[in-house]
Amino acid sequence: MDTSRMYSSSLPWKVLSSNVSLNVLTEGWNLASPEEGAEEEIRQFTVYVGFDTPFFEVPVVQLGLSGFDIDQRDSARLMVKAENITEFGFHATLTTWAGSRVYAAEVNWIAIGP
């Protein structure tokens, strides 16, 4: 049994959480304007989220979509994903496709680790 990665029960776990609000006024926002004729185009917007204090190791990060503003003429197509997670932060990537016009999104996140 490899015990090099086991933690003592006395090791404190850190829990950080917050939310990120993004919208058409956010620099680089490209989810509100699908290109003409590009019906199946996948569009992504990525933002870096830094932790207030770093973890000792890479934490587990969970994202949740807590709000959005999507044009009523379109299907509500929106995914959120945590990528490039480090001890210092992560990238939150929002993805939409086809003709969906996403004007705003709010994402809650929680990070848990040593």
PDB file of N, CA and C in Angstrom:
ATOM      1  N   MET A   1       0.846  -1.182   0.000  1.00  0.00           N
ATOM      2  CA  MET A   1       0.000   0.000   0.000  1.00  0.00           C
ATOM      3  C   MET A   1       0.890   1.243   0.000  1.00  0.00           C
ATOM      4  N   ASP A   2       0.665   2.116  -0.945  1.00  0.00           N
ATOM      5  CA  ASP A   2       1.425   3.358  -1.030  1.00  0.00           C
ATOM      6  C   ASP A   2       0.818   4.375  -0.070  1.00  0.00           C
ATOM      7  N   THR A   3       1.559   4.726   0.956  1.00  0.00           N
ATOM      8  CA  THR A   3       1.053   5.679   1.953  1.00  0.00           C
ATOM      9  C   THR A   3       1.619   7.075   1.746  1.00  0.00           C
ATOM     10  N   SER A   4       2.371   7.283   0.668  1.00  0.00           N
ATOM     11  CA  SER A   4       2.986   8.601   0.450  1.00  0.00           C
ATOM     12  C   SER A   4       1.954   9.695   0.200  1.00  0.00           C
ATOM     13  N   ARG A   5       0.752   9.335  -0.242  1.00  0.00           N
ATOM     14  CA  ARG A   5      -0.278  10.334  -0.529  1.00  0.00           C
ATOM     15  C   ARG A   5      -1.385  10.334   0.516  1.00  0.00           C
ATOM     16  N   MET A   6      -1.250   9.542   1.562  1.00  0.00           N
ATOM     17  CA  MET A   6      -2.290   9.507   2.588  1.00  0.00           C
ATOM     18  C   MET A   6      -2.113  10.694   3.530  1.00  0.00           C
ATOM     19  N   TYR A   7      -3.209  11.194   4.032  1.00  0.00           N
ATOM     20  CA  TYR A   7      -3.184  12.351   4.905  1.00  0.00           C
ATOM     21  C   TYR A   7      -3.570  11.937   6.319  1.00  0.00           C
ATOM     22  N   SER A   8      -2.971  12.610   7.265  1.00  0.00           N
ATOM     23  CA  SER A   8      -3.339  12.402   8.658  1.00  0.00           C
ATOM     24  C   SER A   8      -4.714  13.014   8.883  1.00  0.00           C
ATOM     25  N   SER A   9      -5.489  12.435   9.788  1.00  0.00           N
ATOM     26  CA  SER A   9      -6.815  12.979  10.071  1.00  0.00           C
ATOM     27  C   SER A   9      -6.727  14.360  10.705  1.00  0.00           C
ATOM     28  N   SER A  10      -5.539  14.743  11.178  1.00  0.00           N
ATOM     29  CA  SER A  10      -5.401  16.065  11.795  1.00  0.00           C
ATOM     30  C   SER A  10      -5.050  17.147  10.777  1.00  0.00           C
ATOM     31  N   LEU A  11      -4.833  16.744   9.512  1.00  0.00           N
ATOM     32  CA  LEU A  11      -4.517  17.719   8.476  1.00  0.00           C
ATOM     33  C   LEU A  11      -5.754  18.556   8.178  1.00  0.00           C
ATOM     34  N   PRO A  12      -5.626  19.872   8.311  1.00  0.00           N
ATOM     35  CA  PRO A  12      -6.811  20.706   8.046  1.00  0.00           C
ATOM     36  C   PRO A  12      -7.106  20.792   6.546  1.00  0.00           C
ATOM     37  N   TRP A  13      -8.379  20.741   6.207  1.00  0.00           N
ATOM     38  CA  TRP A  13      -8.815  20.914   4.831  1.00  0.00           C
ATOM     39  C   TRP A  13      -9.275  22.347   4.671  1.00  0.00           C
ATOM     40  N   LYS A  14      -8.952  22.903   3.542  1.00  0.00           N
ATOM     41  CA  LYS A  14      -9.358  24.273   3.237  1.00  0.00           C
ATOM     42  C   LYS A  14     -10.548  24.210   2.294  1.00  0.00           C
ATOM     43  N   VAL A  15     -11.520  25.076   2.520  1.00  0.00           N
ATOM     44  CA  VAL A  15     -12.682  25.190   1.641  1.00  0.00           C
ATOM     45  C   VAL A  15     -12.819  26.662   1.259  1.00  0.00           C
ATOM     46  N   LEU A  16     -12.762  26.938  -0.021  1.00  0.00           N
ATOM     47  CA  LEU A  16     -12.974  28.292  -0.530  1.00  0.00           C
ATOM     48  C   LEU A  16     -14.143  28.251  -1.505  1.00  0.00           C
ATOM     49  N   SER A  17     -14.912  29.319  -1.544  1.00  0.00           N
ATOM     50  CA  SER A  17     -16.018  29.385  -2.501  1.00  0.00           C
ATOM     51  C   SER A  17     -16.328  30.836  -2.812  1.00  0.00           C
ATOM     52  N   SER A  18     -16.943  31.025  -3.959  1.00  0.00           N
ATOM     53  CA  SER A  18     -17.361  32.369  -4.365  1.00  0.00           C
ATOM     54  C   SER A  18     -18.210  32.233  -5.627  1.00  0.00           C
ATOM     55  N   ASN A  19     -18.436  33.351  -6.284  1.00  0.00           N
ATOM     56  CA  ASN A  19     -19.162  33.321  -7.545  1.00  0.00           C
ATOM     57  C   ASN A  19     -18.493  34.256  -8.535  1.00  0.00           C
ATOM     58  N   VAL A  20     -18.757  34.026  -9.800  1.00  0.00           N
ATOM     59  CA  VAL A  20     -18.215  34.836 -10.885  1.00  0.00           C
ATOM     60  C   VAL A  20     -19.396  35.283 -11.738  1.00  0.00           C
ATOM     61  N   SER A  21     -19.520  36.580 -11.933  1.00  0.00           N
ATOM     62  CA  SER A  21     -20.574  37.132 -12.785  1.00  0.00           C
ATOM     63  C   SER A  21     -19.939  37.674 -14.058  1.00  0.00           C
ATOM     64  N   LEU A  22     -20.454  37.239 -15.184  1.00  0.00           N
ATOM     65  CA  LEU A  22     -19.927  37.637 -16.487  1.00  0.00           C
ATOM     66  C   LEU A  22     -21.079  38.074 -17.364  1.00  0.00           C
ATOM     67  N   ASN A  23     -20.806  39.023 -18.262  1.00  0.00           N
ATOM     68  CA  ASN A  23     -21.871  39.478 -19.160  1.00  0.00           C
ATOM     69  C   ASN A  23     -21.287  40.183 -20.369  1.00  0.00           C
ATOM     70  N   VAL A  24     -22.149  40.756 -21.177  1.00  0.00           N
ATOM     71  CA  VAL A  24     -21.728  41.395 -22.422  1.00  0.00           C
ATOM     72  C   VAL A  24     -20.764  42.554 -22.190  1.00  0.00           C
ATOM     73  N   LEU A  25     -20.680  43.077 -20.978  1.00  0.00           N
ATOM     74  CA  LEU A  25     -19.742  44.153 -20.678  1.00  0.00           C
ATOM     75  C   LEU A  25     -18.369  43.629 -20.258  1.00  0.00           C
ATOM     76  N   THR A  26     -18.242  42.313 -20.088  1.00  0.00           N
ATOM     77  CA  THR A  26     -16.968  41.696 -19.740  1.00  0.00           C
ATOM     78  C   THR A  26     -16.075  41.676 -20.981  1.00  0.00           C
ATOM     79  N   GLU A  27     -14.845  42.162 -20.842  1.00  0.00           N
ATOM     80  CA  GLU A  27     -13.937  42.235 -21.981  1.00  0.00           C
ATOM     81  C   GLU A  27     -13.758  40.855 -22.629  1.00  0.00           C
ATOM     82  N   GLY A  28     -13.948  40.802 -23.933  1.00  0.00           N
ATOM     83  CA  GLY A  28     -13.771  39.575 -24.687  1.00  0.00           C
ATOM     84  C   GLY A  28     -14.990  38.678 -24.765  1.00  0.00           C
ATOM     85  N   TRP A  29     -16.097  39.078 -24.127  1.00  0.00           N
ATOM     86  CA  TRP A  29     -17.307  38.246 -24.122  1.00  0.00           C
ATOM     87  C   TRP A  29     -17.763  37.991 -25.556  1.00  0.00           C
ATOM     88  N   ASN A  30     -17.873  36.738 -25.941  1.00  0.00           N
ATOM     89  CA  ASN A  30     -18.215  36.402 -27.318  1.00  0.00           C
ATOM     90  C   ASN A  30     -19.396  35.426 -27.424  1.00  0.00           C
ATOM     91  N   LEU A  31     -20.167  35.296 -26.354  1.00  0.00           N
ATOM     92  CA  LEU A  31     -21.249  34.317 -26.359  1.00  0.00           C
ATOM     93  C   LEU A  31     -22.597  34.899 -26.786  1.00  0.00           C
ATOM     94  N   ALA A  32     -22.669  36.206 -26.992  1.00  0.00           N
ATOM     95  CA  ALA A  32     -23.937  36.846 -27.332  1.00  0.00           C
ATOM     96  C   ALA A  32     -24.141  37.012 -28.835  1.00  0.00           C
ATOM     97  N   SER A  33     -23.100  36.788 -29.615  1.00  0.00           N
ATOM     98  CA  SER A  33     -23.193  37.094 -31.042  1.00  0.00           C
ATOM     99  C   SER A  33     -22.699  35.946 -31.904  1.00  0.00           C
ATOM    100  N   PRO A  34     -23.585  35.011 -32.240  1.00  0.00           N
ATOM    101  CA  PRO A  34     -23.146  33.959 -33.174  1.00  0.00           C
ATOM    102  C   PRO A  34     -22.902  34.575 -34.546  1.00  0.00           C
ATOM    103  N   GLU A  35     -21.903  34.058 -35.235  1.00  0.00           N
ATOM    104  CA  GLU A  35     -21.618  34.571 -36.573  1.00  0.00           C
ATOM    105  C   GLU A  35     -22.710  34.145 -37.539  1.00  0.00           C
ATOM    106  N   GLU A  36     -23.025  35.010 -38.457  1.00  0.00           N
ATOM    107  CA  GLU A  36     -24.062  34.744 -39.462  1.00  0.00           C
ATOM    108  C   GLU A  36     -23.706  33.496 -40.264  1.00  0.00           C
ATOM    109  N   GLY A  37     -24.626  32.555 -40.343  1.00  0.00           N
ATOM    110  CA  GLY A  37     -24.421  31.347 -41.129  1.00  0.00           C
ATOM    111  C   GLY A  37     -23.628  30.249 -40.438  1.00  0.00           C
ATOM    112  N   ALA A  38     -23.157  30.489 -39.226  1.00  0.00           N
ATOM    113  CA  ALA A  38     -22.373  29.480 -38.500  1.00  0.00           C
ATOM    114  C   ALA A  38     -23.269  28.813 -37.468  1.00  0.00           C
ATOM    115  N   GLU A  39     -24.260  28.066 -37.927  1.00  0.00           N
ATOM    116  CA  GLU A  39     -25.281  27.483 -37.050  1.00  0.00           C
ATOM    117  C   GLU A  39     -24.738  26.478 -36.041  1.00  0.00           C
ATOM    118  N   GLU A  40     -23.661  25.778 -36.362  1.00  0.00           N
ATOM    119  CA  GLU A  40     -23.136  24.759 -35.450  1.00  0.00           C
ATOM    120  C   GLU A  40     -21.856  25.216 -34.751  1.00  0.00           C
ATOM    121  N   GLU A  41     -21.519  26.479 -34.881  1.00  0.00           N
ATOM    122  CA  GLU A  41     -20.292  27.001 -34.288  1.00  0.00           C
ATOM    123  C   GLU A  41     -20.309  26.864 -32.766  1.00  0.00           C
ATOM    124  N   ILE A  42     -19.220  26.356 -32.220  1.00  0.00           N
ATOM    125  CA  ILE A  42     -19.044  26.305 -30.769  1.00  0.00           C
ATOM    126  C   ILE A  42     -18.275  27.546 -30.354  1.00  0.00           C
ATOM    127  N   ARG A  43     -18.825  28.271 -29.372  1.00  0.00           N
ATOM    128  CA  ARG A  43     -18.166  29.465 -28.861  1.00  0.00           C
ATOM    129  C   ARG A  43     -17.860  29.265 -27.381  1.00  0.00           C
ATOM    130  N   GLN A  44     -16.650  29.668 -26.973  1.00  0.00           N
ATOM    131  CA  GLN A  44     -16.241  29.532 -25.579  1.00  0.00           C
ATOM    132  C   GLN A  44     -15.724  30.853 -25.050  1.00  0.00           C
ATOM    133  N   PHE A  45     -15.971  31.064 -23.762  1.00  0.00           N
ATOM    134  CA  PHE A  45     -15.396  32.199 -23.054  1.00  0.00           C
ATOM    135  C   PHE A  45     -14.741  31.645 -21.800  1.00  0.00           C
ATOM    136  N   THR A  46     -13.489  32.016 -21.572  1.00  0.00           N
ATOM    137  CA  THR A  46     -12.742  31.508 -20.425  1.00  0.00           C
ATOM    138  C   THR A  46     -12.271  32.670 -19.570  1.00  0.00           C
ATOM    139  N   VAL A  47     -12.425  32.504 -18.253  1.00  0.00           N
ATOM    140  CA  VAL A  47     -11.976  33.514 -17.304  1.00  0.00           C
ATOM    141  C   VAL A  47     -11.139  32.825 -16.223  1.00  0.00           C
ATOM    142  N   TYR A  48     -10.060  33.484 -15.796  1.00  0.00           N
ATOM    143  CA  TYR A  48      -9.226  32.937 -14.730  1.00  0.00           C
ATOM    144  C   TYR A  48      -9.810  33.331 -13.383  1.00  0.00           C
ATOM    145  N   VAL A  49      -9.900  32.356 -12.477  1.00  0.00           N
ATOM    146  CA  VAL A  49     -10.365  32.588 -11.112  1.00  0.00           C
ATOM    147  C   VAL A  49      -9.212  32.246 -10.182  1.00  0.00           C
ATOM    148  N   GLY A  50      -8.693  33.250  -9.479  1.00  0.00           N
ATOM    149  CA  GLY A  50      -7.592  33.025  -8.549  1.00  0.00           C
ATOM    150  C   GLY A  50      -8.114  32.835  -7.134  1.00  0.00           C
ATOM    151  N   PHE A  51      -7.476  31.931  -6.381  1.00  0.00           N
ATOM    152  CA  PHE A  51      -7.852  31.722  -4.983  1.00  0.00           C
ATOM    153  C   PHE A  51      -7.261  32.833  -4.122  1.00  0.00           C
ATOM    154  N   ASP A  52      -7.998  33.247  -3.094  1.00  0.00           N
ATOM    155  CA  ASP A  52      -7.498  34.270  -2.175  1.00  0.00           C
ATOM    156  C   ASP A  52      -6.201  33.833  -1.505  1.00  0.00           C
ATOM    157  N   THR A  53      -6.129  32.559  -1.138  1.00  0.00           N
ATOM    158  CA  THR A  53      -4.904  31.972  -0.588  1.00  0.00           C
ATOM    159  C   THR A  53      -4.698  30.638  -1.283  1.00  0.00           C
ATOM    160  N   PRO A  54      -3.456  30.284  -1.606  1.00  0.00           N
ATOM    161  CA  PRO A  54      -3.224  29.035  -2.332  1.00  0.00           C
ATOM    162  C   PRO A  54      -3.430  27.800  -1.458  1.00  0.00           C
ATOM    163  N   PHE A  55      -3.713  26.699  -2.106  1.00  0.00           N
ATOM    164  CA  PHE A  55      -3.799  25.402  -1.448  1.00  0.00           C
ATOM    165  C   PHE A  55      -2.395  24.801  -1.414  1.00  0.00           C
ATOM    166  N   PHE A  56      -2.186  23.789  -0.576  1.00  0.00           N
ATOM    167  CA  PHE A  56      -0.905  23.083  -0.542  1.00  0.00           C
ATOM    168  C   PHE A  56      -0.770  22.133  -1.726  1.00  0.00           C
ATOM    169  N   GLU A  57      -1.890  21.624  -2.213  1.00  0.00           N
ATOM    170  CA  GLU A  57      -1.926  20.758  -3.388  1.00  0.00           C
ATOM    171  C   GLU A  57      -3.116  21.169  -4.243  1.00  0.00           C
ATOM    172  N   VAL A  58      -3.208  20.614  -5.424  1.00  0.00           N
ATOM    173  CA  VAL A  58      -4.315  20.938  -6.331  1.00  0.00           C
ATOM    174  C   VAL A  58      -5.631  20.501  -5.685  1.00  0.00           C
ATOM    175  N   PRO A  59      -6.567  21.431  -5.506  1.00  0.00           N
ATOM    176  CA  PRO A  59      -7.845  21.086  -4.877  1.00  0.00           C
ATOM    177  C   PRO A  59      -8.835  20.489  -5.893  1.00  0.00           C
ATOM    178  N   VAL A  60      -9.926  20.004  -5.376  1.00  0.00           N
ATOM    179  CA  VAL A  60     -11.063  19.609  -6.201  1.00  0.00           C
ATOM    180  C   VAL A  60     -11.925  20.859  -6.367  1.00  0.00           C
ATOM    181  N   VAL A  61     -12.329  21.158  -7.585  1.00  0.00           N
ATOM    182  CA  VAL A  61     -13.142  22.346  -7.857  1.00  0.00           C
ATOM    183  C   VAL A  61     -14.457  21.903  -8.489  1.00  0.00           C
ATOM    184  N   GLN A  62     -15.545  22.415  -7.956  1.00  0.00           N
ATOM    185  CA  GLN A  62     -16.880  22.134  -8.490  1.00  0.00           C
ATOM    186  C   GLN A  62     -17.520  23.451  -8.908  1.00  0.00           C
ATOM    187  N   LEU A  63     -18.064  23.495 -10.119  1.00  0.00           N
ATOM    188  CA  LEU A  63     -18.757  24.688 -10.616  1.00  0.00           C
ATOM    189  C   LEU A  63     -20.246  24.407 -10.718  1.00  0.00           C
ATOM    190  N   GLY A  64     -21.036  25.450 -10.550  1.00  0.00           N
ATOM    191  CA  GLY A  64     -22.475  25.348 -10.747  1.00  0.00           C
ATOM    192  C   GLY A  64     -22.998  26.610 -11.393  1.00  0.00           C
ATOM    193  N   LEU A  65     -23.843  26.452 -12.359  1.00  0.00           N
ATOM    194  CA  LEU A  65     -24.475  27.584 -13.027  1.00  0.00           C
ATOM    195  C   LEU A  65     -25.617  28.070 -12.146  1.00  0.00           C
ATOM    196  N   SER A  66     -25.544  29.303 -11.666  1.00  0.00           N
ATOM    197  CA  SER A  66     -26.577  29.803 -10.762  1.00  0.00           C
ATOM    198  C   SER A  66     -27.491  30.841 -11.402  1.00  0.00           C
ATOM    199  N   GLY A  67     -27.158  31.271 -12.604  1.00  0.00           N
ATOM    200  CA  GLY A  67     -28.029  32.208 -13.295  1.00  0.00           C
ATOM    201  C   GLY A  67     -27.534  32.459 -14.709  1.00  0.00           C
ATOM    202  N   PHE A  68     -28.456  32.851 -15.579  1.00  0.00           N
ATOM    203  CA  PHE A  68     -28.062  33.195 -16.942  1.00  0.00           C
ATOM    204  C   PHE A  68     -29.119  34.075 -17.576  1.00  0.00           C
ATOM    205  N   ASP A  69     -28.716  34.791 -18.604  1.00  0.00           N
ATOM    206  CA  ASP A  69     -29.617  35.590 -19.428  1.00  0.00           C
ATOM    207  C   ASP A  69     -29.366  35.158 -20.864  1.00  0.00           C
ATOM    208  N   ILE A  70     -30.329  34.430 -21.420  1.00  0.00           N
ATOM    209  CA  ILE A  70     -30.218  33.902 -22.775  1.00  0.00           C
ATOM    210  C   ILE A  70     -31.409  34.403 -23.580  1.00  0.00           C
ATOM    211  N   ASP A  71     -31.147  34.814 -24.803  1.00  0.00           N
ATOM    212  CA  ASP A  71     -32.200  35.319 -25.677  1.00  0.00           C
ATOM    213  C   ASP A  71     -33.335  34.297 -25.778  1.00  0.00           C
ATOM    214  N   GLN A  72     -34.572  34.765 -25.604  1.00  0.00           N
ATOM    215  CA  GLN A  72     -35.737  33.867 -25.582  1.00  0.00           C
ATOM    216  C   GLN A  72     -36.022  33.210 -26.927  1.00  0.00           C
ATOM    217  N   ARG A  73     -35.467  33.745 -28.000  1.00  0.00           N
ATOM    218  CA  ARG A  73     -35.696  33.149 -29.325  1.00  0.00           C
ATOM    219  C   ARG A  73     -34.852  31.905 -29.557  1.00  0.00           C
ATOM    220  N   ASP A  74     -33.884  31.667 -28.679  1.00  0.00           N
ATOM    221  CA  ASP A  74     -32.934  30.571 -28.880  1.00  0.00           C
ATOM    222  C   ASP A  74     -33.084  29.510 -27.799  1.00  0.00           C
ATOM    223  N   SER A  75     -32.584  28.335 -28.076  1.00  0.00           N
ATOM    224  CA  SER A  75     -32.512  27.294 -27.056  1.00  0.00           C
ATOM    225  C   SER A  75     -31.459  27.703 -26.024  1.00  0.00           C
ATOM    226  N   ALA A  76     -31.701  27.304 -24.776  1.00  0.00           N
ATOM    227  CA  ALA A  76     -30.763  27.625 -23.694  1.00  0.00           C
ATOM    228  C   ALA A  76     -29.627  26.614 -23.702  1.00  0.00           C
ATOM    229  N   ARG A  77     -28.573  26.930 -24.406  1.00  0.00           N
ATOM    230  CA  ARG A  77     -27.412  26.050 -24.518  1.00  0.00           C
ATOM    231  C   ARG A  77     -26.249  26.706 -23.786  1.00  0.00           C
ATOM    232  N   LEU A  78     -25.865  26.143 -22.641  1.00  0.00           N
ATOM    233  CA  LEU A  78     -24.755  26.709 -21.879  1.00  0.00           C
ATOM    234  C   LEU A  78     -24.168  25.641 -20.981  1.00  0.00           C
ATOM    235  N   MET A  79     -22.853  25.460 -21.067  1.00  0.00           N
ATOM    236  CA  MET A  79     -22.136  24.530 -20.195  1.00  0.00           C
ATOM    237  C   MET A  79     -21.030  25.295 -19.476  1.00  0.00           C
ATOM    238  N   VAL A  80     -20.706  24.862 -18.251  1.00  0.00           N
ATOM    239  CA  VAL A  80     -19.590  25.445 -17.501  1.00  0.00           C
ATOM    240  C   VAL A  80     -18.658  24.325 -17.075  1.00  0.00           C
ATOM    241  N   LYS A  81     -17.359  24.644 -17.060  1.00  0.00           N
ATOM    242  CA  LYS A  81     -16.367  23.619 -16.770  1.00  0.00           C
ATOM    243  C   LYS A  81     -15.145  24.259 -16.121  1.00  0.00           C
ATOM    244  N   ALA A  82     -14.579  23.596 -15.096  1.00  0.00           N
ATOM    245  CA  ALA A  82     -13.324  24.039 -14.470  1.00  0.00           C
ATOM    246  C   ALA A  82     -12.172  23.344 -15.189  1.00  0.00           C
ATOM    247  N   GLU A  83     -11.180  24.125 -15.607  1.00  0.00           N
ATOM    248  CA  GLU A  83     -10.037  23.582 -16.334  1.00  0.00           C
ATOM    249  C   GLU A  83      -8.743  24.158 -15.776  1.00  0.00           C
ATOM    250  N   ASN A  84      -7.647  23.498 -16.062  1.00  0.00           N
ATOM    251  CA  ASN A  84      -6.313  23.972 -15.663  1.00  0.00           C
ATOM    252  C   ASN A  84      -6.251  24.316 -14.178  1.00  0.00           C
ATOM    253  N   ILE A  85      -6.744  23.436 -13.338  1.00  0.00           N
ATOM    254  CA  ILE A  85      -6.796  23.681 -11.898  1.00  0.00           C
ATOM    255  C   ILE A  85      -5.397  23.540 -11.307  1.00  0.00           C
ATOM    256  N   THR A  86      -4.992  24.539 -10.520  1.00  0.00           N
ATOM    257  CA  THR A  86      -3.714  24.508  -9.808  1.00  0.00           C
ATOM    258  C   THR A  86      -3.971  24.888  -8.352  1.00  0.00           C
ATOM    259  N   GLU A  87      -2.915  24.928  -7.568  1.00  0.00           N
ATOM    260  CA  GLU A  87      -3.028  25.359  -6.176  1.00  0.00           C
ATOM    261  C   GLU A  87      -3.428  26.832  -6.065  1.00  0.00           C
ATOM    262  N   PHE A  88      -3.260  27.585  -7.145  1.00  0.00           N
ATOM    263  CA  PHE A  88      -3.461  29.032  -7.122  1.00  0.00           C
ATOM    264  C   PHE A  88      -4.769  29.503  -7.748  1.00  0.00           C
ATOM    265  N   GLY A  89      -5.419  28.633  -8.534  1.00  0.00           N
ATOM    266  CA  GLY A  89      -6.663  29.030  -9.183  1.00  0.00           C
ATOM    267  C   GLY A  89      -7.028  28.074 -10.302  1.00  0.00           C
ATOM    268  N   PHE A  90      -7.958  28.488 -11.135  1.00  0.00           N
ATOM    269  CA  PHE A  90      -8.435  27.659 -12.240  1.00  0.00           C
ATOM    270  C   PHE A  90      -9.043  28.549 -13.312  1.00  0.00           C
ATOM    271  N   HIS A  91      -9.308  27.949 -14.454  1.00  0.00           N
ATOM    272  CA  HIS A  91     -10.017  28.636 -15.528  1.00  0.00           C
ATOM    273  C   HIS A  91     -11.452  28.111 -15.560  1.00  0.00           C
ATOM    274  N   ALA A  92     -12.407  29.022 -15.570  1.00  0.00           N
ATOM    275  CA  ALA A  92     -13.817  28.664 -15.746  1.00  0.00           C
ATOM    276  C   ALA A  92     -14.140  28.907 -17.217  1.00  0.00           C
ATOM    277  N   THR A  93     -14.577  27.858 -17.904  1.00  0.00           N
ATOM    278  CA  THR A  93     -14.891  27.957 -19.324  1.00  0.00           C
ATOM    279  C   THR A  93     -16.387  27.785 -19.520  1.00  0.00           C
ATOM    280  N   LEU A  94     -17.003  28.758 -20.165  1.00  0.00           N
ATOM    281  CA  LEU A  94     -18.417  28.700 -20.519  1.00  0.00           C
ATOM    282  C   LEU A  94     -18.499  28.424 -22.012  1.00  0.00           C
ATOM    283  N   THR A  95     -19.374  27.507 -22.388  1.00  0.00           N
ATOM    284  CA  THR A  95     -19.496  27.102 -23.790  1.00  0.00           C
ATOM    285  C   THR A  95     -20.953  27.166 -24.224  1.00  0.00           C
ATOM    286  N   THR A  96     -21.168  27.700 -25.422  1.00  0.00           N
ATOM    287  CA  THR A  96     -22.479  27.653 -26.061  1.00  0.00           C
ATOM    288  C   THR A  96     -22.270  27.307 -27.528  1.00  0.00           C
ATOM    289  N   TRP A  97     -23.329  27.029 -28.242  1.00  0.00           N
ATOM    290  CA  TRP A  97     -23.201  26.634 -29.638  1.00  0.00           C
ATOM    291  C   TRP A  97     -24.482  26.950 -30.384  1.00  0.00           C
ATOM    292  N   ALA A  98     -24.408  26.693 -31.675  1.00  0.00           N
ATOM    293  CA  ALA A  98     -25.505  26.978 -32.602  1.00  0.00           C
ATOM    294  C   ALA A  98     -25.874  28.454 -32.499  1.00  0.00           C
ATOM    295  N   GLY A  99     -27.152  28.778 -32.552  1.00  0.00           N
ATOM    296  CA  GLY A  99     -27.562  30.179 -32.573  1.00  0.00           C
ATOM    297  C   GLY A  99     -27.794  30.797 -31.205  1.00  0.00           C
ATOM    298  N   SER A 100     -27.487  30.094 -30.128  1.00  0.00           N
ATOM    299  CA  SER A 100     -27.767  30.623 -28.787  1.00  0.00           C
ATOM    300  C   SER A 100     -27.027  31.938 -28.543  1.00  0.00           C
ATOM    301  N   ARG A 101     -27.744  32.865 -27.936  1.00  0.00           N
ATOM    302  CA  ARG A 101     -27.169  34.169 -27.572  1.00  0.00           C
ATOM    303  C   ARG A 101     -27.201  34.274 -26.050  1.00  0.00           C
ATOM    304  N   VAL A 102     -26.036  34.183 -25.435  1.00  0.00           N
ATOM    305  CA  VAL A 102     -25.921  34.256 -23.976  1.00  0.00           C
ATOM    306  C   VAL A 102     -25.430  35.658 -23.628  1.00  0.00           C
ATOM    307  N   TYR A 103     -26.268  36.418 -22.921  1.00  0.00           N
ATOM    308  CA  TYR A 103     -25.927  37.791 -22.567  1.00  0.00           C
ATOM    309  C   TYR A 103     -25.233  37.883 -21.218  1.00  0.00           C
ATOM    310  N   ALA A 104     -25.493  36.926 -20.328  1.00  0.00           N
ATOM    311  CA  ALA A 104     -24.873  36.949 -19.006  1.00  0.00           C
ATOM    312  C   ALA A 104     -24.931  35.554 -18.404  1.00  0.00           C
ATOM    313  N   ALA A 105     -24.003  35.299 -17.476  1.00  0.00           N
ATOM    314  CA  ALA A 105     -24.003  34.033 -16.744  1.00  0.00           C
ATOM    315  C   ALA A 105     -23.371  34.265 -15.380  1.00  0.00           C
ATOM    316  N   GLU A 106     -23.890  33.570 -14.397  1.00  0.00           N
ATOM    317  CA  GLU A 106     -23.302  33.603 -13.058  1.00  0.00           C
ATOM    318  C   GLU A 106     -22.968  32.174 -12.666  1.00  0.00           C
ATOM    319  N   VAL A 107     -21.738  31.989 -12.190  1.00  0.00           N
ATOM    320  CA  VAL A 107     -21.239  30.674 -11.841  1.00  0.00           C
ATOM    321  C   VAL A 107     -20.773  30.691 -10.392  1.00  0.00           C
ATOM    322  N   ASN A 108     -21.286  29.745  -9.580  1.00  0.00           N
ATOM    323  CA  ASN A 108     -20.791  29.556  -8.222  1.00  0.00           C
ATOM    324  C   ASN A 108     -19.722  28.471  -8.273  1.00  0.00           C
ATOM    325  N   TRP A 109     -18.708  28.593  -7.400  1.00  0.00           N
ATOM    326  CA  TRP A 109     -17.670  27.565  -7.358  1.00  0.00           C
ATOM    327  C   TRP A 109     -17.278  27.284  -5.919  1.00  0.00           C
ATOM    328  N   ILE A 110     -16.778  26.059  -5.709  1.00  0.00           N
ATOM    329  CA  ILE A 110     -16.244  25.647  -4.422  1.00  0.00           C
ATOM    330  C   ILE A 110     -14.989  24.844  -4.690  1.00  0.00           C
ATOM    331  N   ALA A 111     -13.948  25.111  -3.921  1.00  0.00           N
ATOM    332  CA  ALA A 111     -12.679  24.377  -4.024  1.00  0.00           C
ATOM    333  C   ALA A 111     -12.364  23.789  -2.662  1.00  0.00           C
ATOM    334  N   ILE A 112     -12.002  22.498  -2.644  1.00  0.00           N
ATOM    335  CA  ILE A 112     -11.715  21.796  -1.395  1.00  0.00           C
ATOM    336  C   ILE A 112     -10.389  21.057  -1.554  1.00  0.00           C
ATOM    337  N   GLY A 113      -9.505  21.252  -0.603  1.00  0.00           N
ATOM    338  CA  GLY A 113      -8.220  20.566  -0.651  1.00  0.00           C
ATOM    339  C   GLY A 113      -7.380  20.895   0.569  1.00  0.00           C
ATOM    340  N   PRO A 114      -6.206  20.267   0.632  1.00  0.00           N
ATOM    341  CA  PRO A 114      -5.308  20.537   1.765  1.00  0.00           C
ATOM    342  C   PRO A 114      -4.589  21.858   1.591  1.00  0.00           C
TER     343      PRO A 114
END
